[in-house]
């Protein structure tokens, strides 16, 4: 059992690591909206691209912040 846990931790450790840049400093990762405002990882906003409107979430992919569509259409109040 302990051996399996050790193997899991070895495999999972790169996923759990912070994003670091040159000199070992932790990099602040975030997305930006069309006006250049900072959007934190995990936040969801309404986006309009090529006439389509959808909800998109700021996520990480291969150590790069990116927008991922999570719902067709946008929420309105």
PDB file of N, CA and C in Angstrom:
ATOM      1  N   UNK A   1       0.823  -1.198   0.000  1.00  0.00           N
ATOM      2  CA  UNK A   1       0.000   0.000   0.000  1.00  0.00           C
ATOM      3  C   UNK A   1       0.866   1.260   0.000  1.00  0.00           C
ATOM      4  N   UNK A   2       1.896   1.274   0.843  1.00  0.00           N
ATOM      5  CA  UNK A   2       2.776   2.437   0.918  1.00  0.00           C
ATOM      6  C   UNK A   2       3.521   2.611  -0.403  1.00  0.00           C
ATOM      7  N   UNK A   3       3.901   1.511  -1.024  1.00  0.00           N
ATOM      8  CA  UNK A   3       4.607   1.597  -2.306  1.00  0.00           C
ATOM      9  C   UNK A   3       3.707   2.241  -3.366  1.00  0.00           C
ATOM     10  N   UNK A   4       2.418   1.872  -3.386  1.00  0.00           N
ATOM     11  CA  UNK A   4       1.482   2.455  -4.348  1.00  0.00           C
ATOM     12  C   UNK A   4       1.320   3.959  -4.113  1.00  0.00           C
ATOM     13  N   UNK A   5       1.252   4.360  -2.851  1.00  0.00           N
ATOM     14  CA  UNK A   5       1.139   5.774  -2.515  1.00  0.00           C
ATOM     15  C   UNK A   5       2.388   6.525  -2.965  1.00  0.00           C
ATOM     16  N   UNK A   6       3.563   5.953  -2.756  1.00  0.00           N
ATOM     17  CA  UNK A   6       4.812   6.575  -3.172  1.00  0.00           C
ATOM     18  C   UNK A   6       4.845   6.764  -4.693  1.00  0.00           C
ATOM     19  N   UNK A   7       4.437   5.738  -5.441  1.00  0.00           N
ATOM     20  CA  UNK A   7       4.405   5.822  -6.912  1.00  0.00           C
ATOM     21  C   UNK A   7       3.426   6.899  -7.350  1.00  0.00           C
ATOM     22  N   UNK A   8       2.261   6.960  -6.702  1.00  0.00           N
ATOM     23  CA  UNK A   8       1.275   7.986  -7.040  1.00  0.00           C
ATOM     24  C   UNK A   8       1.844   9.387  -6.823  1.00  0.00           C
ATOM     25  N   UNK A   9       2.521   9.591  -5.691  1.00  0.00           N
ATOM     26  CA  UNK A   9       3.096  10.902  -5.403  1.00  0.00           C
ATOM     27  C   UNK A   9       4.171  11.280  -6.410  1.00  0.00           C
ATOM     28  N   UNK A  10       4.952  10.335  -6.859  1.00  0.00           N
ATOM     29  CA  UNK A  10       5.967  10.614  -7.878  1.00  0.00           C
ATOM     30  C   UNK A  10       5.322  11.035  -9.188  1.00  0.00           C
ATOM     31  N   UNK A  11       4.238  10.378  -9.544  1.00  0.00           N
ATOM     32  CA  UNK A  11       3.548  10.701 -10.796  1.00  0.00           C
ATOM     33  C   UNK A  11       2.802  12.024 -10.674  1.00  0.00           C
ATOM     34  N   UNK A  12       2.161  12.270  -9.538  1.00  0.00           N
ATOM     35  CA  UNK A  12       1.323  13.450  -9.355  1.00  0.00           C
ATOM     36  C   UNK A  12       2.106  14.712  -9.039  1.00  0.00           C
ATOM     37  N   UNK A  13       3.343  14.598  -8.585  1.00  0.00           N
ATOM     38  CA  UNK A  13       4.081  15.781  -8.152  1.00  0.00           C
ATOM     39  C   UNK A  13       4.241  16.848  -9.230  1.00  0.00           C
ATOM     40  N   UNK A  14       4.500  16.522 -10.513  1.00  0.00           N
ATOM     41  CA  UNK A  14       4.569  17.600 -11.502  1.00  0.00           C
ATOM     42  C   UNK A  14       3.246  18.328 -11.668  1.00  0.00           C
ATOM     43  N   UNK A  15       2.131  17.625 -11.506  1.00  0.00           N
ATOM     44  CA  UNK A  15       0.819  18.248 -11.635  1.00  0.00           C
ATOM     45  C   UNK A  15       0.561  19.194 -10.478  1.00  0.00           C
ATOM     46  N   UNK A  16       1.050  18.844  -9.289  1.00  0.00           N
ATOM     47  CA  UNK A  16       0.813  19.655  -8.107  1.00  0.00           C
ATOM     48  C   UNK A  16       1.816  20.801  -7.969  1.00  0.00           C
ATOM     49  N   UNK A  17       2.828  20.849  -8.803  1.00  0.00           N
ATOM     50  CA  UNK A  17       3.875  21.868  -8.694  1.00  0.00           C
ATOM     51  C   UNK A  17       3.379  23.233  -9.154  1.00  0.00           C
ATOM     52  N   UNK A  18       3.961  24.283  -8.580  1.00  0.00           N
ATOM     53  CA  UNK A  18       3.663  25.643  -9.023  1.00  0.00           C
ATOM     54  C   UNK A  18       4.335  25.885 -10.361  1.00  0.00           C
ATOM     55  N   UNK A  19       3.831  26.874 -11.101  1.00  0.00           N
ATOM     56  CA  UNK A  19       4.460  27.272 -12.351  1.00  0.00           C
ATOM     57  C   UNK A  19       5.620  28.184 -11.992  1.00  0.00           C
ATOM     58  N   UNK A  20       6.828  27.782 -12.345  1.00  0.00           N
ATOM     59  CA  UNK A  20       7.998  28.581 -12.008  1.00  0.00           C
ATOM     60  C   UNK A  20       8.709  29.039 -13.273  1.00  0.00           C
ATOM     61  N   UNK A  21       9.317  30.182 -13.173  1.00  0.00           N
ATOM     62  CA  UNK A  21      10.045  30.738 -14.304  1.00  0.00           C
ATOM     63  C   UNK A  21      11.527  30.722 -14.035  1.00  0.00           C
ATOM     64  N   UNK A  22      12.270  31.525 -14.801  1.00  0.00           N
ATOM     65  CA  UNK A  22      13.714  31.597 -14.613  1.00  0.00           C
ATOM     66  C   UNK A  22      14.057  32.036 -13.185  1.00  0.00           C
ATOM     67  N   UNK A  23      15.044  31.424 -12.607  1.00  0.00           N
ATOM     68  CA  UNK A  23      15.454  31.767 -11.260  1.00  0.00           C
ATOM     69  C   UNK A  23      14.603  31.103 -10.191  1.00  0.00           C
ATOM     70  N   UNK A  24      13.676  30.244 -10.604  1.00  0.00           N
ATOM     71  CA  UNK A  24      12.845  29.522  -9.647  1.00  0.00           C
ATOM     72  C   UNK A  24      11.729  30.343  -9.029  1.00  0.00           C
ATOM     73  N   UNK A  25      11.438  31.527  -9.578  1.00  0.00           N
ATOM     74  CA  UNK A  25      10.370  32.362  -9.027  1.00  0.00           C
ATOM     75  C   UNK A  25       9.018  31.851  -9.514  1.00  0.00           C
ATOM     76  N   UNK A  26       8.022  31.853  -8.617  1.00  0.00           N
ATOM     77  CA  UNK A  26       6.667  31.422  -8.974  1.00  0.00           C
ATOM     78  C   UNK A  26       6.039  32.472  -9.881  1.00  0.00           C
ATOM     79  N   UNK A  27       5.510  32.022 -11.008  1.00  0.00           N
ATOM     80  CA  UNK A  27       4.878  32.921 -11.967  1.00  0.00           C
ATOM     81  C   UNK A  27       3.396  33.054 -11.653  1.00  0.00           C
ATOM     82  N   UNK A  28       2.877  34.256 -11.771  1.00  0.00           N
ATOM     83  CA  UNK A  28       1.467  34.533 -11.580  1.00  0.00           C
ATOM     84  C   UNK A  28       0.744  34.199 -12.883  1.00  0.00           C
ATOM     85  N   UNK A  29      -0.134  33.205 -12.879  1.00  0.00           N
ATOM     86  CA  UNK A  29      -0.845  32.807 -14.095  1.00  0.00           C
ATOM     87  C   UNK A  29      -2.274  33.323 -14.056  1.00  0.00           C
ATOM     88  N   UNK A  30      -2.722  33.913 -15.160  1.00  0.00           N
ATOM     89  CA  UNK A  30      -4.069  34.450 -15.275  1.00  0.00           C
ATOM     90  C   UNK A  30      -4.388  34.630 -16.748  1.00  0.00           C
ATOM     91  N   UNK A  31      -5.668  34.840 -17.050  1.00  0.00           N
ATOM     92  CA  UNK A  31      -6.108  35.122 -18.414  1.00  0.00           C
ATOM     93  C   UNK A  31      -6.434  36.610 -18.504  1.00  0.00           C
ATOM     94  N   UNK A  32      -6.657  37.090 -19.707  1.00  0.00           N
ATOM     95  CA  UNK A  32      -7.115  38.459 -19.900  1.00  0.00           C
ATOM     96  C   UNK A  32      -8.363  38.452 -20.779  1.00  0.00           C
ATOM     97  N   UNK A  33      -9.231  39.441 -20.558  1.00  0.00           N
ATOM     98  CA  UNK A  33     -10.405  39.577 -21.408  1.00  0.00           C
ATOM     99  C   UNK A  33     -10.070  40.503 -22.571  1.00  0.00           C
ATOM    100  N   UNK A  34     -11.072  40.835 -23.400  1.00  0.00           N
ATOM    101  CA  UNK A  34     -10.775  41.623 -24.606  1.00  0.00           C
ATOM    102  C   UNK A  34     -10.296  43.034 -24.306  1.00  0.00           C
ATOM    103  N   UNK A  35     -10.580  43.545 -23.101  1.00  0.00           N
ATOM    104  CA  UNK A  35     -10.101  44.879 -22.744  1.00  0.00           C
ATOM    105  C   UNK A  35      -8.746  44.840 -22.042  1.00  0.00           C
ATOM    106  N   UNK A  36      -8.212  43.614 -21.829  1.00  0.00           N
ATOM    107  CA  UNK A  36      -6.912  43.472 -21.188  1.00  0.00           C
ATOM    108  C   UNK A  36      -6.977  43.342 -19.679  1.00  0.00           C
ATOM    109  N   UNK A  37      -8.193  43.274 -19.127  1.00  0.00           N
ATOM    110  CA  UNK A  37      -8.348  43.123 -17.677  1.00  0.00           C
ATOM    111  C   UNK A  37      -7.945  41.718 -17.248  1.00  0.00           C
ATOM    112  N   UNK A  38      -7.396  41.637 -16.065  1.00  0.00           N
ATOM    113  CA  UNK A  38      -6.934  40.363 -15.519  1.00  0.00           C
ATOM    114  C   UNK A  38      -8.116  39.520 -15.044  1.00  0.00           C
ATOM    115  N   UNK A  39      -8.143  38.245 -15.465  1.00  0.00           N
ATOM    116  CA  UNK A  39      -9.157  37.282 -15.041  1.00  0.00           C
ATOM    117  C   UNK A  39      -8.413  36.118 -14.399  1.00  0.00           C
ATOM    118  N   UNK A  40      -8.735  35.818 -13.136  1.00  0.00           N
ATOM    119  CA  UNK A  40      -8.033  34.781 -12.389  1.00  0.00           C
ATOM    120  C   UNK A  40      -8.408  33.388 -12.880  1.00  0.00           C
ATOM    121  N   UNK A  41      -7.502  32.424 -12.676  1.00  0.00           N
ATOM    122  CA  UNK A  41      -7.768  31.034 -13.020  1.00  0.00           C
ATOM    123  C   UNK A  41      -9.043  30.568 -12.315  1.00  0.00           C
ATOM    124  N   UNK A  42      -9.903  29.875 -13.047  1.00  0.00           N
ATOM    125  CA  UNK A  42     -11.152  29.363 -12.494  1.00  0.00           C
ATOM    126  C   UNK A  42     -12.333  30.281 -12.678  1.00  0.00           C
ATOM    127  N   UNK A  43     -12.091  31.561 -12.990  1.00  0.00           N
ATOM    128  CA  UNK A  43     -13.201  32.485 -13.204  1.00  0.00           C
ATOM    129  C   UNK A  43     -13.846  32.216 -14.552  1.00  0.00           C
ATOM    130  N   UNK A  44     -15.150  32.473 -14.632  1.00  0.00           N
ATOM    131  CA  UNK A  44     -15.925  32.261 -15.850  1.00  0.00           C
ATOM    132  C   UNK A  44     -16.500  33.592 -16.305  1.00  0.00           C
ATOM    133  N   UNK A  45     -16.408  33.869 -17.612  1.00  0.00           N
ATOM    134  CA  UNK A  45     -16.974  35.091 -18.178  1.00  0.00           C
ATOM    135  C   UNK A  45     -17.714  34.749 -19.468  1.00  0.00           C
ATOM    136  N   UNK A  46     -18.550  35.686 -19.917  1.00  0.00           N
ATOM    137  CA  UNK A  46     -19.234  35.547 -21.195  1.00  0.00           C
ATOM    138  C   UNK A  46     -18.306  36.071 -22.287  1.00  0.00           C
ATOM    139  N   UNK A  47     -18.117  35.283 -23.351  1.00  0.00           N
ATOM    140  CA  UNK A  47     -17.256  35.698 -24.460  1.00  0.00           C
ATOM    141  C   UNK A  47     -18.062  35.732 -25.751  1.00  0.00           C
ATOM    142  N   UNK A  48     -17.695  36.657 -26.634  1.00  0.00           N
ATOM    143  CA  UNK A  48     -18.298  36.716 -27.958  1.00  0.00           C
ATOM    144  C   UNK A  48     -17.173  36.597 -28.979  1.00  0.00           C
ATOM    145  N   UNK A  49     -17.222  35.523 -29.782  1.00  0.00           N
ATOM    146  CA  UNK A  49     -16.195  35.252 -30.784  1.00  0.00           C
ATOM    147  C   UNK A  49     -16.891  34.888 -32.082  1.00  0.00           C
ATOM    148  N   UNK A  50     -16.586  35.599 -33.150  1.00  0.00           N
ATOM    149  CA  UNK A  50     -17.185  35.348 -34.476  1.00  0.00           C
ATOM    150  C   UNK A  50     -18.707  35.291 -34.412  1.00  0.00           C
ATOM    151  N   UNK A  51     -19.314  36.190 -33.655  1.00  0.00           N
ATOM    152  CA  UNK A  51     -20.767  36.255 -33.565  1.00  0.00           C
ATOM    153  C   UNK A  51     -21.402  35.229 -32.641  1.00  0.00           C
ATOM    154  N   UNK A  52     -20.600  34.366 -32.041  1.00  0.00           N
ATOM    155  CA  UNK A  52     -21.092  33.365 -31.090  1.00  0.00           C
ATOM    156  C   UNK A  52     -20.873  33.861 -29.679  1.00  0.00           C
ATOM    157  N   UNK A  53     -21.852  33.634 -28.798  1.00  0.00           N
ATOM    158  CA  UNK A  53     -21.677  33.988 -27.383  1.00  0.00           C
ATOM    159  C   UNK A  53     -21.692  32.709 -26.561  1.00  0.00           C
ATOM    160  N   UNK A  54     -20.758  32.611 -25.608  1.00  0.00           N
ATOM    161  CA  UNK A  54     -20.655  31.428 -24.762  1.00  0.00           C
ATOM    162  C   UNK A  54     -19.939  31.777 -23.467  1.00  0.00           C
ATOM    163  N   UNK A  55     -20.149  30.919 -22.464  1.00  0.00           N
ATOM    164  CA  UNK A  55     -19.451  31.070 -21.196  1.00  0.00           C
ATOM    165  C   UNK A  55     -18.113  30.344 -21.311  1.00  0.00           C
ATOM    166  N   UNK A  56     -17.036  31.011 -20.893  1.00  0.00           N
ATOM    167  CA  UNK A  56     -15.693  30.430 -20.967  1.00  0.00           C
ATOM    168  C   UNK A  56     -15.019  30.573 -19.604  1.00  0.00           C
ATOM    169  N   UNK A  57     -14.215  29.561 -19.276  1.00  0.00           N
ATOM    170  CA  UNK A  57     -13.502  29.557 -17.999  1.00  0.00           C
ATOM    171  C   UNK A  57     -12.007  29.655 -18.250  1.00  0.00           C
ATOM    172  N   UNK A  58     -11.317  30.452 -17.439  1.00  0.00           N
ATOM    173  CA  UNK A  58      -9.867  30.566 -17.505  1.00  0.00           C
ATOM    174  C   UNK A  58      -9.264  29.318 -16.872  1.00  0.00           C
ATOM    175  N   UNK A  59      -8.494  28.555 -17.658  1.00  0.00           N
ATOM    176  CA  UNK A  59      -7.901  27.303 -17.196  1.00  0.00           C
ATOM    177  C   UNK A  59      -6.449  27.227 -17.650  1.00  0.00           C
ATOM    178  N   UNK A  60      -5.721  26.274 -17.074  1.00  0.00           N
ATOM    179  CA  UNK A  60      -4.340  26.015 -17.489  1.00  0.00           C
ATOM    180  C   UNK A  60      -4.315  24.816 -18.420  1.00  0.00           C
ATOM    181  N   UNK A  61      -3.492  24.894 -19.460  1.00  0.00           N
ATOM    182  CA  UNK A  61      -3.274  23.775 -20.372  1.00  0.00           C
ATOM    183  C   UNK A  61      -1.793  23.770 -20.728  1.00  0.00           C
ATOM    184  N   UNK A  62      -1.091  22.727 -20.334  1.00  0.00           N
ATOM    185  CA  UNK A  62       0.351  22.616 -20.597  1.00  0.00           C
ATOM    186  C   UNK A  62       1.098  23.856 -20.113  1.00  0.00           C
ATOM    187  N   UNK A  63       0.794  24.287 -18.885  1.00  0.00           N
ATOM    188  CA  UNK A  63       1.427  25.451 -18.255  1.00  0.00           C
ATOM    189  C   UNK A  63       1.165  26.770 -18.973  1.00  0.00           C
ATOM    190  N   UNK A  64       0.071  26.834 -19.734  1.00  0.00           N
ATOM    191  CA  UNK A  64      -0.310  28.065 -20.430  1.00  0.00           C
ATOM    192  C   UNK A  64      -1.764  28.385 -20.077  1.00  0.00           C
ATOM    193  N   UNK A  65      -2.040  29.603 -19.589  1.00  0.00           N
ATOM    194  CA  UNK A  65      -3.433  29.965 -19.326  1.00  0.00           C
ATOM    195  C   UNK A  65      -4.203  30.068 -20.644  1.00  0.00           C
ATOM    196  N   UNK A  66      -5.435  29.545 -20.663  1.00  0.00           N
ATOM    197  CA  UNK A  66      -6.242  29.574 -21.880  1.00  0.00           C
ATOM    198  C   UNK A  66      -7.719  29.599 -21.512  1.00  0.00           C
ATOM    199  N   UNK A  67      -8.542  29.985 -22.488  1.00  0.00           N
ATOM    200  CA  UNK A  67      -9.990  30.009 -22.298  1.00  0.00           C
ATOM    201  C   UNK A  67     -10.579  28.711 -22.818  1.00  0.00           C
ATOM    202  N   UNK A  68     -11.492  28.107 -22.041  1.00  0.00           N
ATOM    203  CA  UNK A  68     -12.180  26.888 -22.464  1.00  0.00           C
ATOM    204  C   UNK A  68     -13.686  27.122 -22.366  1.00  0.00           C
ATOM    205  N   UNK A  69     -14.394  26.832 -23.468  1.00  0.00           N
ATOM    206  CA  UNK A  69     -15.856  26.965 -23.472  1.00  0.00           C
ATOM    207  C   UNK A  69     -16.457  25.951 -22.502  1.00  0.00           C
ATOM    208  N   UNK A  70     -17.325  26.428 -21.618  1.00  0.00           N
ATOM    209  CA  UNK A  70     -17.951  25.537 -20.637  1.00  0.00           C
ATOM    210  C   UNK A  70     -19.469  25.479 -20.792  1.00  0.00           C
ATOM    211  N   UNK A  71     -20.046  26.433 -21.552  1.00  0.00           N
ATOM    212  CA  UNK A  71     -21.501  26.441 -21.727  1.00  0.00           C
ATOM    213  C   UNK A  71     -21.841  27.272 -22.951  1.00  0.00           C
ATOM    214  N   UNK A  72     -22.769  26.773 -23.765  1.00  0.00           N
ATOM    215  CA  UNK A  72     -23.256  27.553 -24.906  1.00  0.00           C
ATOM    216  C   UNK A  72     -24.176  28.651 -24.389  1.00  0.00           C
ATOM    217  N   UNK A  73     -24.091  29.809 -25.013  1.00  0.00           N
ATOM    218  CA  UNK A  73     -24.896  30.946 -24.567  1.00  0.00           C
ATOM    219  C   UNK A  73     -24.316  31.556 -23.310  1.00  0.00           C
ATOM    220  N   UNK A  74     -24.859  32.724 -22.939  1.00  0.00           N
ATOM    221  CA  UNK A  74     -24.391  33.437 -21.756  1.00  0.00           C
ATOM    222  C   UNK A  74     -25.514  33.603 -20.763  1.00  0.00           C
ATOM    223  N   UNK A  75     -25.157  33.645 -19.494  1.00  0.00           N
ATOM    224  CA  UNK A  75     -26.128  33.865 -18.442  1.00  0.00           C
ATOM    225  C   UNK A  75     -26.486  35.346 -18.431  1.00  0.00           C
ATOM    226  N   UNK A  76     -27.738  35.644 -18.155  1.00  0.00           N
ATOM    227  CA  UNK A  76     -28.143  37.042 -18.056  1.00  0.00           C
ATOM    228  C   UNK A  76     -28.970  37.223 -16.794  1.00  0.00           C
ATOM    229  N   UNK A  77     -28.966  38.450 -16.280  1.00  0.00           N
ATOM    230  CA  UNK A  77     -29.722  38.697 -15.045  1.00  0.00           C
ATOM    231  C   UNK A  77     -30.931  39.555 -15.301  1.00  0.00           C
TER     232      UNK A  77
END
